[in-house]
Amino acid sequence: MSYFDLKIVTPTKSIDFESVNYVRCPGLKGLFGIMSNHQKGIFALDIGEIKVDNKKSSSFYSTSGGYAEFKDNKLLLLLETVESKSEIDKIRAEAALKRANERLKSNEGDETRAKASLLRAQNRLKIISR
């Protein structure tokens, strides 16, 4: 099996992975996967789950979007945020979900922001349940 390197960069941290054999990302038009020797390209990412498969196991991360670039058998994810399962505070995510639902029901404030908050909270709770 062939492998590639993955680097995740956010404004506050950087995570490096070696010997990755598959990454699944949330694209703007649905999920897409990257494997070794994938065609080079730049992809826009949406709120969702990132799955990273390496030699030993799979790991899952929550993101609020960004960009992916694959070239020279290296994947770079430039993300607004990234959280692993262990970094997500379940109580905080549940509270954010409740607030977002309340904002949507009240029809007050920016509906687009409330929907994005709802999606982010749902995504964090999905990652925790893995």
C-alpha atoms as a PDB file:
ATOM      1  CA  MET A   1       0.000   0.000   0.000  1.00  0.00           C
ATOM      2  CA  SER A   2       1.204   3.519  -0.802  1.00  0.00           C
ATOM      3  CA  TYR A   3       1.290   6.343   1.708  1.00  0.00           C
ATOM      4  CA  PHE A   4       1.463  10.135   1.738  1.00  0.00           C
ATOM      5  CA  ASP A   5       2.044  12.898   4.285  1.00  0.00           C
ATOM      6  CA  LEU A   6      -0.698  15.080   5.758  1.00  0.00           C
ATOM      7  CA  LYS A   7      -0.325  18.454   7.425  1.00  0.00           C
ATOM      8  CA  ILE A   8      -3.269  20.225   9.078  1.00  0.00           C
ATOM      9  CA  VAL A   9      -2.811  23.934   9.745  1.00  0.00           C
ATOM     10  CA  THR A  10      -5.166  26.268  11.623  1.00  0.00           C
ATOM     11  CA  PRO A  11      -4.558  29.789  12.954  1.00  0.00           C
ATOM     12  CA  THR A  12      -3.680  28.280  16.351  1.00  0.00           C
ATOM     13  CA  LYS A  13      -1.993  24.908  15.700  1.00  0.00           C
ATOM     14  CA  SER A  14      -0.404  22.528  13.254  1.00  0.00           C
ATOM     15  CA  ILE A  15      -0.680  18.729  13.140  1.00  0.00           C
ATOM     16  CA  ASP A  16       1.614  16.500  11.061  1.00  0.00           C
ATOM     17  CA  PHE A  17       0.877  12.923  10.006  1.00  0.00           C
ATOM     18  CA  GLU A  18       3.201  10.526   8.230  1.00  0.00           C
ATOM     19  CA  SER A  19       2.285   7.314   6.425  1.00  0.00           C
ATOM     20  CA  VAL A  20      -1.353   8.201   5.777  1.00  0.00           C
ATOM     21  CA  ASN A  21      -3.123   5.951   3.276  1.00  0.00           C
ATOM     22  CA  TYR A  22      -6.509   7.730   3.048  1.00  0.00           C
ATOM     23  CA  VAL A  23      -8.163  11.015   4.056  1.00  0.00           C
ATOM     24  CA  ARG A  24     -11.869  11.772   3.672  1.00  0.00           C
ATOM     25  CA  CYS A  25     -12.883  15.439   3.714  1.00  0.00           C
ATOM     26  CA  PRO A  26     -16.145  17.393   3.643  1.00  0.00           C
ATOM     27  CA  GLY A  27     -16.183  19.213   0.305  1.00  0.00           C
ATOM     28  CA  LEU A  28     -18.676  21.940  -0.531  1.00  0.00           C
ATOM     29  CA  LYS A  29     -20.569  19.473  -2.744  1.00  0.00           C
ATOM     30  CA  GLY A  30     -20.143  16.379  -0.592  1.00  0.00           C
ATOM     31  CA  LEU A  31     -17.476  14.098   0.795  1.00  0.00           C
ATOM     32  CA  PHE A  32     -14.343  13.265  -1.169  1.00  0.00           C
ATOM     33  CA  GLY A  33     -11.365  11.034  -0.528  1.00  0.00           C
ATOM     34  CA  ILE A  34      -7.643  11.390  -1.124  1.00  0.00           C
ATOM     35  CA  MET A  35      -5.273   8.464  -1.554  1.00  0.00           C
ATOM     36  CA  SER A  36      -1.609   8.260  -2.456  1.00  0.00           C
ATOM     37  CA  ASN A  37      -0.752   9.621  -5.910  1.00  0.00           C
ATOM     38  CA  HIS A  38      -4.087  11.424  -6.226  1.00  0.00           C
ATOM     39  CA  GLN A  39      -4.345  14.017  -8.988  1.00  0.00           C
ATOM     40  CA  LYS A  40      -3.053  17.351  -7.733  1.00  0.00           C
ATOM     41  CA  GLY A  41      -5.653  19.960  -6.902  1.00  0.00           C
ATOM     42  CA  ILE A  42      -7.110  22.529  -4.544  1.00  0.00           C
ATOM     43  CA  PHE A  43     -10.460  21.819  -2.900  1.00  0.00           C
ATOM     44  CA  ALA A  44     -12.818  23.967  -0.799  1.00  0.00           C
ATOM     45  CA  LEU A  45     -13.930  22.349   2.463  1.00  0.00           C
ATOM     46  CA  ASP A  46     -17.170  22.738   4.379  1.00  0.00           C
ATOM     47  CA  ILE A  47     -18.209  22.094   7.975  1.00  0.00           C
ATOM     48  CA  GLY A  48     -17.886  18.386   8.619  1.00  0.00           C
ATOM     49  CA  GLU A  49     -15.817  15.387   9.578  1.00  0.00           C
ATOM     50  CA  ILE A  50     -12.295  14.611   8.452  1.00  0.00           C
ATOM     51  CA  LYS A  51     -11.310  10.944   8.580  1.00  0.00           C
ATOM     52  CA  VAL A  52      -7.609  10.066   8.583  1.00  0.00           C
ATOM     53  CA  ASP A  53      -6.519   6.449   8.010  1.00  0.00           C
ATOM     54  CA  ASN A  54      -2.923   5.494   8.672  1.00  0.00           C
ATOM     55  CA  LYS A  55      -1.077   2.199   9.105  1.00  0.00           C
ATOM     56  CA  LYS A  56      -2.517   1.561  12.551  1.00  0.00           C
ATOM     57  CA  SER A  57      -5.963   3.122  12.856  1.00  0.00           C
ATOM     58  CA  SER A  58      -8.528   5.716  11.835  1.00  0.00           C
ATOM     59  CA  SER A  59      -8.987   9.052  13.553  1.00  0.00           C
ATOM     60  CA  PHE A  60     -11.749  11.600  13.176  1.00  0.00           C
ATOM     61  CA  TYR A  61     -11.673  15.386  13.382  1.00  0.00           C
ATOM     62  CA  SER A  62     -14.283  18.109  13.350  1.00  0.00           C
ATOM     63  CA  THR A  63     -13.691  21.114  11.100  1.00  0.00           C
ATOM     64  CA  SER A  64     -15.558  24.306  10.309  1.00  0.00           C
ATOM     65  CA  GLY A  65     -14.154  24.442   6.784  1.00  0.00           C
ATOM     66  CA  GLY A  66     -11.160  25.630   4.859  1.00  0.00           C
ATOM     67  CA  TYR A  67      -9.112  24.401   1.903  1.00  0.00           C
ATOM     68  CA  ALA A  68      -7.223  21.266   0.905  1.00  0.00           C
ATOM     69  CA  GLU A  69      -4.264  21.141  -1.456  1.00  0.00           C
ATOM     70  CA  PHE A  70      -2.782  17.921  -2.766  1.00  0.00           C
ATOM     71  CA  LYS A  71       0.483  17.925  -4.707  1.00  0.00           C
ATOM     72  CA  ASP A  72       3.722  15.957  -4.740  1.00  0.00           C
ATOM     73  CA  ASN A  73       2.041  13.219  -2.700  1.00  0.00           C
ATOM     74  CA  LYS A  74       1.406  15.612   0.216  1.00  0.00           C
ATOM     75  CA  LEU A  75      -1.952  16.813   1.501  1.00  0.00           C
ATOM     76  CA  LEU A  76      -2.170  20.210   3.184  1.00  0.00           C
ATOM     77  CA  LEU A  77      -5.393  21.140   4.990  1.00  0.00           C
ATOM     78  CA  LEU A  78      -5.704  24.855   5.782  1.00  0.00           C
ATOM     79  CA  LEU A  79      -8.616  24.978   8.195  1.00  0.00           C
ATOM     80  CA  GLU A  80     -10.502  27.547  10.215  1.00  0.00           C
ATOM     81  CA  THR A  81     -10.674  25.055  13.084  1.00  0.00           C
ATOM     82  CA  VAL A  82      -9.913  21.405  13.748  1.00  0.00           C
ATOM     83  CA  GLU A  83     -10.802  19.375  16.841  1.00  0.00           C
ATOM     84  CA  SER A  84     -10.091  15.753  17.626  1.00  0.00           C
ATOM     85  CA  LYS A  85     -12.559  13.683  19.614  1.00  0.00           C
ATOM     86  CA  SER A  86     -10.528  14.214  22.800  1.00  0.00           C
ATOM     87  CA  GLU A  87     -10.530  18.010  22.348  1.00  0.00           C
ATOM     88  CA  ILE A  88     -14.306  18.376  22.046  1.00  0.00           C
ATOM     89  CA  ASP A  89     -16.191  19.399  25.173  1.00  0.00           C
ATOM     90  CA  LYS A  90     -19.499  17.518  24.994  1.00  0.00           C
ATOM     91  CA  ILE A  91     -21.313  19.821  27.428  1.00  0.00           C
ATOM     92  CA  ARG A  92     -20.197  22.889  25.488  1.00  0.00           C
ATOM     93  CA  ALA A  93     -21.233  21.300  22.158  1.00  0.00           C
ATOM     94  CA  GLU A  94     -24.662  20.386  23.544  1.00  0.00           C
ATOM     95  CA  ALA A  95     -25.108  23.941  24.868  1.00  0.00           C
ATOM     96  CA  ALA A  96     -24.122  25.359  21.447  1.00  0.00           C
ATOM     97  CA  LEU A  97     -26.653  23.062  19.774  1.00  0.00           C
ATOM     98  CA  LYS A  98     -29.386  24.243  22.134  1.00  0.00           C
ATOM     99  CA  ARG A  99     -28.505  27.929  21.559  1.00  0.00           C
ATOM    100  CA  ALA A 100     -28.471  27.501  17.784  1.00  0.00           C
ATOM    101  CA  ASN A 101     -31.864  25.775  17.823  1.00  0.00           C
ATOM    102  CA  GLU A 102     -33.289  28.523  20.021  1.00  0.00           C
ATOM    103  CA  ARG A 103     -31.946  31.225  17.673  1.00  0.00           C
ATOM    104  CA  LEU A 104     -33.483  29.515  14.667  1.00  0.00           C
ATOM    105  CA  LYS A 105     -36.870  29.122  16.396  1.00  0.00           C
ATOM    106  CA  SER A 106     -36.958  32.745  17.560  1.00  0.00           C
ATOM    107  CA  ASN A 107     -36.306  34.146  14.061  1.00  0.00           C
ATOM    108  CA  GLU A 108     -34.063  36.766  15.669  1.00  0.00           C
ATOM    109  CA  GLY A 109     -30.580  37.559  14.446  1.00  0.00           C
ATOM    110  CA  ASP A 110     -28.751  36.220  11.441  1.00  0.00           C
ATOM    111  CA  GLU A 111     -30.316  32.967  10.238  1.00  0.00           C
ATOM    112  CA  THR A 112     -27.231  32.005   8.199  1.00  0.00           C
ATOM    113  CA  ARG A 113     -24.967  32.276  11.255  1.00  0.00           C
ATOM    114  CA  ALA A 114     -27.459  30.323  13.373  1.00  0.00           C
ATOM    115  CA  LYS A 115     -27.569  27.517  10.788  1.00  0.00           C
ATOM    116  CA  ALA A 116     -23.766  27.391  10.639  1.00  0.00           C
ATOM    117  CA  SER A 117     -23.616  27.236  14.453  1.00  0.00           C
ATOM    118  CA  LEU A 118     -26.137  24.397  14.395  1.00  0.00           C
ATOM    119  CA  LEU A 119     -24.079  22.449  11.823  1.00  0.00           C
ATOM    120  CA  ARG A 120     -20.852  22.933  13.779  1.00  0.00           C
ATOM    121  CA  ALA A 121     -22.466  21.744  17.033  1.00  0.00           C
ATOM    122  CA  GLN A 122     -24.051  18.724  15.340  1.00  0.00           C
ATOM    123  CA  ASN A 123     -20.712  17.847  13.748  1.00  0.00           C
ATOM    124  CA  ARG A 124     -18.857  18.031  17.077  1.00  0.00           C
ATOM    125  CA  LEU A 125     -21.426  15.756  18.696  1.00  0.00           C
ATOM    126  CA  LYS A 126     -21.104  13.330  15.776  1.00  0.00           C
ATOM    127  CA  ILE A 127     -17.328  13.140  16.278  1.00  0.00           C
ATOM    128  CA  ILE A 128     -17.732  12.524  20.015  1.00  0.00           C
ATOM    129  CA  SER A 129     -20.066   9.589  19.325  1.00  0.00           C
ATOM    130  CA  ARG A 130     -17.405   7.732  17.265  1.00  0.00           C
END
